[in-house]
């Protein structure tokens, strides 16, 4: 086994002799990436976006309250279930379909409310307006149209629109 180690060391030394070394006066070329430090939106812009988000949030809360009132019996405070035996099967089916649509719409609105709350958190953290994919600052127009956006238009189209 000792012989194998000696052979290996000698092979390494021989290989090192064959590799041409760089001249001592040659400077090393280092590729230094300049730090991409983008400044976010100023306080005035952030307040503008916060106002837009808060207005949309209020609209959603009002819509959810309206949906809740249509799904609940105001006298008992319980969710409405299928009507009595007086209604026909077709009417019951239509009622069930309408209730299901209302629940789905309420769920969608609740999800949108969460997106808006996340956007408010990003404003507080100072990360609002930066694309989560490329890190670039998004256009004001995009954020005014979709204030809860996570991605810039370029990244959104690249990913096929799976994320907001």
N, C-alpha and C. Protein backbone atom coordinates (compact mmCIF):
# COMPACT_ATOMS: atom_id res chain seq x y z
N UNK A 1 0.80 -1.18 0.00
CA UNK A 1 0.00 0.00 0.00
C UNK A 1 0.85 1.25 0.00
N UNK A 2 1.96 1.21 0.66
CA UNK A 2 2.86 2.35 0.69
C UNK A 2 3.35 2.69 -0.70
N UNK A 3 3.52 1.66 -1.54
CA UNK A 3 3.97 1.91 -2.90
C UNK A 3 2.94 2.69 -3.70
N UNK A 4 1.67 2.39 -3.52
CA UNK A 4 0.62 3.07 -4.26
C UNK A 4 0.63 4.55 -3.95
N UNK A 5 0.83 4.92 -2.69
CA UNK A 5 0.86 6.32 -2.33
C UNK A 5 2.04 7.03 -2.96
N UNK A 6 3.17 6.37 -3.01
CA UNK A 6 4.36 6.97 -3.62
C UNK A 6 4.13 7.17 -5.11
N UNK A 7 3.50 6.21 -5.74
CA UNK A 7 3.24 6.32 -7.18
C UNK A 7 2.28 7.47 -7.45
N UNK A 8 1.28 7.57 -6.67
CA UNK A 8 0.31 8.63 -6.88
C UNK A 8 0.96 9.99 -6.72
N UNK A 9 1.80 10.15 -5.72
CA UNK A 9 2.46 11.44 -5.49
C UNK A 9 3.39 11.76 -6.65
N UNK A 10 4.07 10.76 -7.16
CA UNK A 10 4.98 11.02 -8.26
C UNK A 10 4.21 11.38 -9.54
N UNK A 11 3.05 10.77 -9.76
CA UNK A 11 2.24 11.11 -10.92
C UNK A 11 1.74 12.55 -10.83
N UNK A 12 1.38 12.96 -9.65
CA UNK A 12 0.88 14.33 -9.46
C UNK A 12 2.00 15.32 -9.72
N UNK A 13 3.20 15.02 -9.21
CA UNK A 13 4.33 15.93 -9.42
C UNK A 13 4.66 16.03 -10.90
N UNK A 14 4.61 14.91 -11.61
CA UNK A 14 4.92 14.91 -13.04
C UNK A 14 3.87 15.70 -13.82
N UNK A 15 2.61 15.55 -13.44
CA UNK A 15 1.53 16.28 -14.12
C UNK A 15 1.66 17.77 -13.86
N UNK A 16 2.07 18.13 -12.68
CA UNK A 16 2.23 19.54 -12.34
C UNK A 16 3.35 20.18 -13.15
N UNK A 17 4.38 19.42 -13.46
CA UNK A 17 5.48 19.94 -14.25
C UNK A 17 5.07 20.20 -15.69
N UNK A 18 4.09 19.40 -16.19
CA UNK A 18 3.65 19.55 -17.57
C UNK A 18 2.72 20.75 -17.77
N UNK A 19 2.01 21.17 -16.72
CA UNK A 19 1.07 22.27 -16.83
C UNK A 19 1.84 23.58 -16.86
N UNK A 20 1.68 24.36 -17.92
CA UNK A 20 2.41 25.63 -17.98
C UNK A 20 1.86 26.60 -16.94
N UNK A 21 2.73 27.24 -16.24
CA UNK A 21 2.29 28.19 -15.23
C UNK A 21 2.12 29.56 -15.86
N UNK A 22 1.32 30.40 -15.21
CA UNK A 22 1.09 31.75 -15.70
C UNK A 22 2.30 32.61 -15.37
N UNK A 23 2.61 33.53 -16.24
CA UNK A 23 3.69 34.45 -15.91
C UNK A 23 3.32 35.24 -14.66
N UNK A 24 4.31 35.55 -13.85
CA UNK A 24 4.06 36.22 -12.58
C UNK A 24 3.53 37.63 -12.76
N UNK A 25 3.86 38.28 -13.84
CA UNK A 25 3.41 39.65 -14.03
C UNK A 25 2.00 39.76 -14.62
N UNK A 26 1.39 38.62 -15.00
CA UNK A 26 0.04 38.65 -15.56
C UNK A 26 -0.96 38.87 -14.43
N UNK A 27 -1.84 39.83 -14.65
CA UNK A 27 -2.84 40.13 -13.64
C UNK A 27 -4.00 39.15 -13.75
N UNK A 28 -4.54 38.83 -12.61
CA UNK A 28 -5.70 37.96 -12.60
C UNK A 28 -6.91 38.77 -13.02
N UNK A 29 -7.68 38.19 -13.91
CA UNK A 29 -8.90 38.86 -14.35
C UNK A 29 -10.05 38.33 -13.51
N UNK A 30 -10.62 39.21 -12.73
CA UNK A 30 -11.76 38.84 -11.90
C UNK A 30 -13.00 39.50 -12.46
N UNK A 31 -14.00 38.71 -12.59
CA UNK A 31 -15.28 39.25 -13.03
C UNK A 31 -16.05 39.63 -11.77
N UNK A 32 -16.15 40.90 -11.57
CA UNK A 32 -16.87 41.39 -10.41
C UNK A 32 -18.18 41.98 -10.88
N UNK A 33 -19.23 41.40 -10.36
CA UNK A 33 -20.54 41.92 -10.71
C UNK A 33 -20.83 43.12 -9.83
N UNK A 34 -21.22 44.17 -10.46
CA UNK A 34 -21.58 45.36 -9.70
C UNK A 34 -22.86 45.05 -8.93
N UNK A 35 -22.91 45.40 -7.68
CA UNK A 35 -24.11 45.11 -6.92
C UNK A 35 -25.31 45.87 -7.48
N UNK A 36 -26.36 45.14 -7.69
CA UNK A 36 -27.57 45.75 -8.23
C UNK A 36 -28.41 46.18 -7.04
N UNK A 37 -28.23 47.41 -6.68
CA UNK A 37 -29.02 47.91 -5.56
C UNK A 37 -30.06 48.86 -6.11
N UNK A 38 -31.28 48.38 -6.10
CA UNK A 38 -32.36 49.20 -6.59
C UNK A 38 -33.06 49.82 -5.40
N UNK A 39 -33.38 51.04 -5.58
CA UNK A 39 -34.12 51.73 -4.55
C UNK A 39 -35.60 51.49 -4.81
N UNK A 40 -36.33 51.22 -3.75
CA UNK A 40 -37.76 50.99 -3.89
C UNK A 40 -38.52 52.29 -4.08
N UNK A 41 -39.81 52.19 -3.97
CA UNK A 41 -40.66 53.36 -4.11
C UNK A 41 -40.49 54.28 -2.90
N UNK A 42 -40.70 55.57 -3.14
CA UNK A 42 -40.60 56.52 -2.03
C UNK A 42 -41.85 56.43 -1.14
N UNK A 43 -41.84 57.14 -0.02
CA UNK A 43 -42.93 57.06 0.95
C UNK A 43 -44.26 57.50 0.35
N UNK A 44 -44.21 58.52 -0.49
CA UNK A 44 -45.43 59.02 -1.11
C UNK A 44 -46.07 57.94 -2.00
N UNK A 45 -45.24 57.28 -2.79
CA UNK A 45 -45.74 56.20 -3.66
C UNK A 45 -46.29 55.04 -2.84
N UNK A 46 -45.56 54.68 -1.78
CA UNK A 46 -46.01 53.57 -0.93
C UNK A 46 -47.35 53.90 -0.27
N UNK A 47 -47.52 55.14 0.15
CA UNK A 47 -48.80 55.56 0.73
C UNK A 47 -49.91 55.49 -0.32
N UNK A 48 -49.57 55.86 -1.55
CA UNK A 48 -50.54 55.77 -2.66
C UNK A 48 -50.97 54.32 -2.86
N UNK A 49 -50.01 53.40 -2.91
CA UNK A 49 -50.34 51.98 -3.09
C UNK A 49 -51.11 51.44 -1.88
N UNK A 50 -50.72 51.87 -0.71
CA UNK A 50 -51.41 51.43 0.50
C UNK A 50 -52.87 51.88 0.47
N UNK A 51 -53.12 53.09 0.00
CA UNK A 51 -54.49 53.60 -0.12
C UNK A 51 -55.29 52.75 -1.10
N UNK A 52 -54.69 52.42 -2.24
CA UNK A 52 -55.37 51.59 -3.24
C UNK A 52 -55.70 50.22 -2.63
N UNK A 53 -54.73 49.64 -1.94
CA UNK A 53 -54.94 48.32 -1.33
C UNK A 53 -56.03 48.38 -0.26
N UNK A 54 -56.01 49.41 0.56
CA UNK A 54 -57.01 49.53 1.62
C UNK A 54 -58.42 49.73 1.03
N UNK A 55 -58.53 50.48 -0.07
CA UNK A 55 -59.83 50.66 -0.72
C UNK A 55 -60.34 49.34 -1.27
N UNK A 56 -59.45 48.59 -1.94
CA UNK A 56 -59.85 47.29 -2.48
C UNK A 56 -60.22 46.33 -1.35
N UNK A 57 -59.45 46.39 -0.28
CA UNK A 57 -59.71 45.54 0.88
C UNK A 57 -61.09 45.83 1.46
N UNK A 58 -61.44 47.10 1.56
CA UNK A 58 -62.75 47.49 2.09
C UNK A 58 -63.87 46.99 1.18
N UNK A 59 -63.66 47.10 -0.13
CA UNK A 59 -64.65 46.58 -1.09
C UNK A 59 -64.86 45.09 -0.90
N UNK A 60 -63.78 44.35 -0.72
CA UNK A 60 -63.86 42.90 -0.53
C UNK A 60 -64.60 42.57 0.76
N UNK A 61 -64.29 43.30 1.83
CA UNK A 61 -64.97 43.04 3.10
C UNK A 61 -66.47 43.30 2.99
N UNK A 62 -66.84 44.36 2.29
CA UNK A 62 -68.25 44.65 2.08
C UNK A 62 -68.92 43.56 1.24
N UNK A 63 -68.22 43.10 0.21
CA UNK A 63 -68.75 42.03 -0.64
C UNK A 63 -68.91 40.74 0.16
N UNK A 64 -67.94 40.43 1.00
CA UNK A 64 -68.04 39.23 1.82
C UNK A 64 -69.20 39.32 2.81
N UNK A 65 -69.41 40.50 3.36
CA UNK A 65 -70.55 40.69 4.27
C UNK A 65 -71.86 40.50 3.52
N UNK A 66 -71.92 41.01 2.30
CA UNK A 66 -73.12 40.84 1.47
C UNK A 66 -73.36 39.37 1.16
N UNK A 67 -72.30 38.66 0.81
CA UNK A 67 -72.43 37.23 0.52
C UNK A 67 -72.86 36.47 1.77
N UNK A 68 -72.30 36.84 2.88
CA UNK A 68 -72.65 36.18 4.14
C UNK A 68 -74.13 36.35 4.44
N UNK A 69 -74.64 37.55 4.20
CA UNK A 69 -76.05 37.80 4.47
C UNK A 69 -76.96 37.01 3.53
N UNK A 70 -76.51 36.74 2.31
CA UNK A 70 -77.33 35.93 1.39
C UNK A 70 -77.28 34.45 1.74
N UNK A 71 -76.21 34.03 2.39
CA UNK A 71 -76.08 32.62 2.75
C UNK A 71 -76.70 32.30 4.10
N UNK A 72 -76.94 33.31 4.92
CA UNK A 72 -77.44 33.06 6.27
C UNK A 72 -78.89 33.50 6.41
N UNK A 73 -79.58 32.79 7.27
CA UNK A 73 -80.93 33.17 7.64
C UNK A 73 -80.82 34.25 8.71
N UNK A 74 -81.38 35.42 8.44
CA UNK A 74 -81.22 36.55 9.35
C UNK A 74 -81.91 36.32 10.69
N UNK A 75 -82.96 35.52 10.71
CA UNK A 75 -83.67 35.30 11.97
C UNK A 75 -82.93 34.35 12.89
N UNK A 76 -82.32 33.29 12.33
CA UNK A 76 -81.64 32.29 13.17
C UNK A 76 -80.14 32.50 13.24
N UNK A 77 -79.57 33.18 12.26
CA UNK A 77 -78.12 33.37 12.25
C UNK A 77 -77.37 32.13 11.77
N UNK A 78 -78.09 31.17 11.21
CA UNK A 78 -77.47 29.94 10.71
C UNK A 78 -77.48 29.95 9.19
N UNK A 79 -76.54 29.18 8.62
CA UNK A 79 -76.51 29.08 7.17
C UNK A 79 -77.77 28.39 6.68
N UNK A 80 -78.30 28.91 5.59
CA UNK A 80 -79.51 28.33 5.02
C UNK A 80 -79.20 26.96 4.44
N UNK A 81 -80.11 26.04 4.66
CA UNK A 81 -79.99 24.72 4.06
C UNK A 81 -81.16 24.55 3.12
N UNK A 82 -81.31 23.39 2.55
CA UNK A 82 -82.37 23.18 1.58
C UNK A 82 -83.72 23.54 2.17
N UNK A 83 -84.55 24.12 1.34
CA UNK A 83 -85.88 24.56 1.78
C UNK A 83 -86.76 23.37 2.12
N UNK A 84 -87.89 23.68 2.61
CA UNK A 84 -88.82 22.64 3.05
C UNK A 84 -89.27 21.75 1.90
N UNK A 85 -90.14 20.83 2.22
CA UNK A 85 -90.62 19.87 1.23
C UNK A 85 -91.56 20.51 0.22
N UNK A 86 -91.89 21.77 0.43
CA UNK A 86 -92.82 22.43 -0.50
C UNK A 86 -92.18 22.70 -1.86
N UNK A 87 -90.88 22.85 -1.90
CA UNK A 87 -90.25 23.14 -3.19
C UNK A 87 -89.97 21.85 -3.94
N UNK A 88 -89.93 21.97 -5.25
CA UNK A 88 -89.71 20.79 -6.09
C UNK A 88 -88.23 20.42 -6.12
N UNK A 89 -87.95 19.26 -6.63
CA UNK A 89 -86.57 18.81 -6.74
C UNK A 89 -85.73 19.74 -7.60
N UNK A 90 -86.35 20.25 -8.67
CA UNK A 90 -85.62 21.15 -9.55
C UNK A 90 -85.27 22.45 -8.83
N UNK A 91 -86.19 22.95 -8.06
CA UNK A 91 -85.92 24.17 -7.30
C UNK A 91 -84.83 23.94 -6.26
N UNK A 92 -84.86 22.79 -5.63
CA UNK A 92 -83.84 22.46 -4.64
C UNK A 92 -82.47 22.36 -5.30
N UNK A 93 -82.44 21.78 -6.49
CA UNK A 93 -81.17 21.67 -7.22
C UNK A 93 -80.63 23.04 -7.61
N UNK A 94 -81.52 23.91 -8.04
CA UNK A 94 -81.13 25.28 -8.40
C UNK A 94 -80.64 26.02 -7.17
N UNK A 95 -81.34 25.86 -6.05
CA UNK A 95 -80.93 26.51 -4.80
C UNK A 95 -79.56 26.00 -4.36
N UNK A 96 -79.35 24.71 -4.46
CA UNK A 96 -78.06 24.14 -4.07
C UNK A 96 -76.94 24.67 -4.95
N UNK A 97 -77.21 24.78 -6.25
CA UNK A 97 -76.21 25.30 -7.17
C UNK A 97 -75.89 26.76 -6.86
N UNK A 98 -76.91 27.54 -6.56
CA UNK A 98 -76.70 28.94 -6.22
C UNK A 98 -75.89 29.08 -4.93
N UNK A 99 -76.19 28.24 -3.94
CA UNK A 99 -75.43 28.27 -2.68
C UNK A 99 -73.97 27.91 -2.93
N UNK A 100 -73.75 26.90 -3.76
CA UNK A 100 -72.39 26.48 -4.07
C UNK A 100 -71.63 27.60 -4.78
N UNK A 101 -72.27 28.27 -5.72
CA UNK A 101 -71.63 29.39 -6.41
C UNK A 101 -71.31 30.51 -5.43
N UNK A 102 -72.21 30.77 -4.51
CA UNK A 102 -71.99 31.82 -3.51
C UNK A 102 -70.81 31.47 -2.62
N UNK A 103 -70.73 30.21 -2.17
CA UNK A 103 -69.61 29.78 -1.34
C UNK A 103 -68.29 29.87 -2.10
N UNK A 104 -68.29 29.48 -3.37
CA UNK A 104 -67.07 29.57 -4.18
C UNK A 104 -66.64 31.02 -4.37
N UNK A 105 -67.61 31.88 -4.60
CA UNK A 105 -67.30 33.30 -4.78
C UNK A 105 -66.74 33.88 -3.48
N UNK A 106 -67.34 33.50 -2.34
CA UNK A 106 -66.85 33.97 -1.04
C UNK A 106 -65.43 33.45 -0.80
N UNK A 107 -65.16 32.24 -1.19
CA UNK A 107 -63.81 31.67 -1.03
C UNK A 107 -62.81 32.43 -1.88
N UNK A 108 -63.21 32.75 -3.10
CA UNK A 108 -62.34 33.51 -4.01
C UNK A 108 -62.05 34.89 -3.44
N UNK A 109 -63.08 35.54 -2.92
CA UNK A 109 -62.90 36.86 -2.32
C UNK A 109 -61.99 36.78 -1.09
N UNK A 110 -62.14 35.73 -0.30
CA UNK A 110 -61.29 35.55 0.87
C UNK A 110 -59.83 35.38 0.47
N UNK A 111 -59.60 34.66 -0.60
CA UNK A 111 -58.23 34.47 -1.11
C UNK A 111 -57.65 35.80 -1.58
N UNK A 112 -58.46 36.59 -2.26
CA UNK A 112 -58.03 37.89 -2.73
C UNK A 112 -57.70 38.81 -1.54
N UNK A 113 -58.51 38.71 -0.49
CA UNK A 113 -58.26 39.48 0.73
C UNK A 113 -56.90 39.12 1.33
N UNK A 114 -56.55 37.84 1.31
CA UNK A 114 -55.24 37.40 1.80
C UNK A 114 -54.11 37.98 0.96
N UNK A 115 -54.29 38.03 -0.35
CA UNK A 115 -53.28 38.63 -1.23
C UNK A 115 -53.06 40.11 -0.90
N UNK A 116 -54.17 40.80 -0.65
CA UNK A 116 -54.06 42.21 -0.30
C UNK A 116 -53.36 42.39 1.05
N UNK A 117 -53.68 41.52 2.00
CA UNK A 117 -53.01 41.59 3.30
C UNK A 117 -51.50 41.32 3.17
N UNK A 118 -51.15 40.38 2.30
CA UNK A 118 -49.72 40.11 2.05
C UNK A 118 -49.03 41.33 1.45
N UNK A 119 -49.72 42.01 0.55
CA UNK A 119 -49.15 43.22 -0.06
C UNK A 119 -48.91 44.28 1.01
N UNK A 120 -49.84 44.43 1.95
CA UNK A 120 -49.66 45.39 3.04
C UNK A 120 -48.45 45.03 3.90
N UNK A 121 -48.26 43.73 4.12
CA UNK A 121 -47.08 43.28 4.89
C UNK A 121 -45.79 43.60 4.15
N UNK A 122 -45.80 43.44 2.82
CA UNK A 122 -44.61 43.76 2.04
C UNK A 122 -44.31 45.25 2.08
N UNK A 123 -45.34 46.07 2.12
CA UNK A 123 -45.13 47.52 2.25
C UNK A 123 -44.43 47.81 3.57
N UNK A 124 -44.89 47.16 4.63
CA UNK A 124 -44.30 47.38 5.95
C UNK A 124 -42.84 46.89 6.00
N UNK A 125 -42.56 45.78 5.33
CA UNK A 125 -41.20 45.22 5.31
C UNK A 125 -40.25 46.00 4.41
N UNK A 126 -40.81 46.73 3.46
CA UNK A 126 -39.98 47.46 2.50
C UNK A 126 -39.66 46.66 1.25
N UNK A 127 -40.36 45.56 1.04
CA UNK A 127 -40.11 44.72 -0.14
C UNK A 127 -41.21 44.86 -1.19
N UNK A 128 -42.15 45.75 -0.96
CA UNK A 128 -43.27 45.91 -1.90
C UNK A 128 -42.77 46.48 -3.23
N UNK A 129 -43.27 45.91 -4.31
CA UNK A 129 -42.97 46.41 -5.64
C UNK A 129 -41.82 45.70 -6.33
N UNK A 130 -41.09 44.84 -5.60
CA UNK A 130 -39.99 44.11 -6.22
C UNK A 130 -40.49 42.75 -6.68
N UNK A 131 -40.12 42.38 -7.90
CA UNK A 131 -40.51 41.10 -8.48
C UNK A 131 -39.86 39.96 -7.69
N UNK A 132 -40.63 38.94 -7.38
CA UNK A 132 -40.09 37.81 -6.62
C UNK A 132 -39.23 36.90 -7.49
N UNK A 133 -39.32 37.02 -8.80
CA UNK A 133 -38.51 36.19 -9.70
C UNK A 133 -37.17 36.84 -10.03
N UNK A 134 -37.21 38.05 -10.55
CA UNK A 134 -35.98 38.69 -11.03
C UNK A 134 -35.44 39.74 -10.07
N UNK A 135 -36.26 40.17 -9.12
CA UNK A 135 -35.81 41.16 -8.14
C UNK A 135 -35.88 42.60 -8.60
N UNK A 136 -36.32 42.83 -9.82
CA UNK A 136 -36.42 44.20 -10.34
C UNK A 136 -37.67 44.88 -9.80
N UNK A 137 -37.60 46.19 -9.79
CA UNK A 137 -38.74 46.98 -9.34
C UNK A 137 -39.81 46.98 -10.45
N UNK A 138 -41.04 46.70 -10.05
CA UNK A 138 -42.14 46.64 -11.03
C UNK A 138 -42.59 48.05 -11.40
N UNK A 139 -43.25 48.15 -12.54
CA UNK A 139 -43.77 49.43 -13.00
C UNK A 139 -44.91 49.88 -12.10
N UNK A 140 -45.00 51.19 -11.92
CA UNK A 140 -46.09 51.76 -11.13
C UNK A 140 -47.45 51.39 -11.72
N UNK A 141 -47.54 51.44 -13.03
CA UNK A 141 -48.81 51.15 -13.70
C UNK A 141 -49.28 49.74 -13.39
N UNK A 142 -48.35 48.79 -13.34
CA UNK A 142 -48.71 47.40 -13.01
C UNK A 142 -49.27 47.32 -11.60
N UNK A 143 -48.60 47.97 -10.68
CA UNK A 143 -49.02 47.89 -9.29
C UNK A 143 -50.32 48.67 -9.04
N UNK A 144 -50.57 49.69 -9.83
CA UNK A 144 -51.84 50.39 -9.69
C UNK A 144 -52.99 49.53 -10.21
N UNK A 145 -52.73 48.76 -11.26
CA UNK A 145 -53.75 47.88 -11.82
C UNK A 145 -53.92 46.62 -10.96
N UNK A 146 -52.80 46.04 -10.51
CA UNK A 146 -52.82 44.83 -9.70
C UNK A 146 -51.93 45.09 -8.47
N UNK A 147 -52.48 45.73 -7.45
CA UNK A 147 -51.65 46.15 -6.32
C UNK A 147 -51.07 45.01 -5.50
N UNK A 148 -51.57 43.81 -5.67
CA UNK A 148 -51.07 42.67 -4.92
C UNK A 148 -50.10 41.81 -5.74
N UNK A 149 -49.64 42.33 -6.88
CA UNK A 149 -48.78 41.57 -7.79
C UNK A 149 -47.45 41.21 -7.13
N UNK A 150 -46.97 40.01 -7.43
CA UNK A 150 -45.68 39.53 -6.94
C UNK A 150 -44.61 39.56 -8.03
N UNK A 151 -45.04 39.55 -9.28
CA UNK A 151 -44.11 39.45 -10.39
C UNK A 151 -44.30 40.60 -11.38
N UNK A 152 -43.20 40.95 -12.04
CA UNK A 152 -43.27 41.93 -13.11
C UNK A 152 -43.93 41.26 -14.32
N UNK A 153 -44.29 42.05 -15.30
CA UNK A 153 -44.97 41.52 -16.49
C UNK A 153 -44.10 40.50 -17.21
N UNK A 154 -42.80 40.78 -17.36
CA UNK A 154 -41.91 39.85 -18.08
C UNK A 154 -41.87 38.49 -17.41
N UNK A 155 -41.68 38.47 -16.10
CA UNK A 155 -41.61 37.19 -15.38
C UNK A 155 -42.96 36.49 -15.36
N UNK A 156 -44.01 37.26 -15.29
CA UNK A 156 -45.36 36.69 -15.28
C UNK A 156 -45.65 35.97 -16.60
N UNK A 157 -45.23 36.57 -17.71
CA UNK A 157 -45.48 35.93 -19.00
C UNK A 157 -44.56 34.73 -19.21
N UNK A 158 -43.35 34.77 -18.63
CA UNK A 158 -42.43 33.63 -18.75
C UNK A 158 -42.96 32.41 -18.02
N UNK A 159 -43.56 32.63 -16.82
CA UNK A 159 -44.04 31.51 -16.01
C UNK A 159 -45.42 31.04 -16.42
N UNK A 160 -45.99 31.69 -17.40
CA UNK A 160 -47.29 31.27 -17.87
C UNK A 160 -48.44 31.79 -17.02
N UNK A 161 -48.15 32.75 -16.18
CA UNK A 161 -49.22 33.36 -15.39
C UNK A 161 -49.67 32.55 -14.22
N UNK A 162 -48.84 31.61 -13.73
CA UNK A 162 -49.24 30.79 -12.60
C UNK A 162 -49.28 31.56 -11.30
N UNK A 163 -48.47 32.57 -11.18
CA UNK A 163 -48.43 33.35 -9.95
C UNK A 163 -48.97 34.73 -10.22
N UNK A 164 -49.29 35.39 -9.17
CA UNK A 164 -49.83 36.74 -9.29
C UNK A 164 -48.71 37.73 -9.49
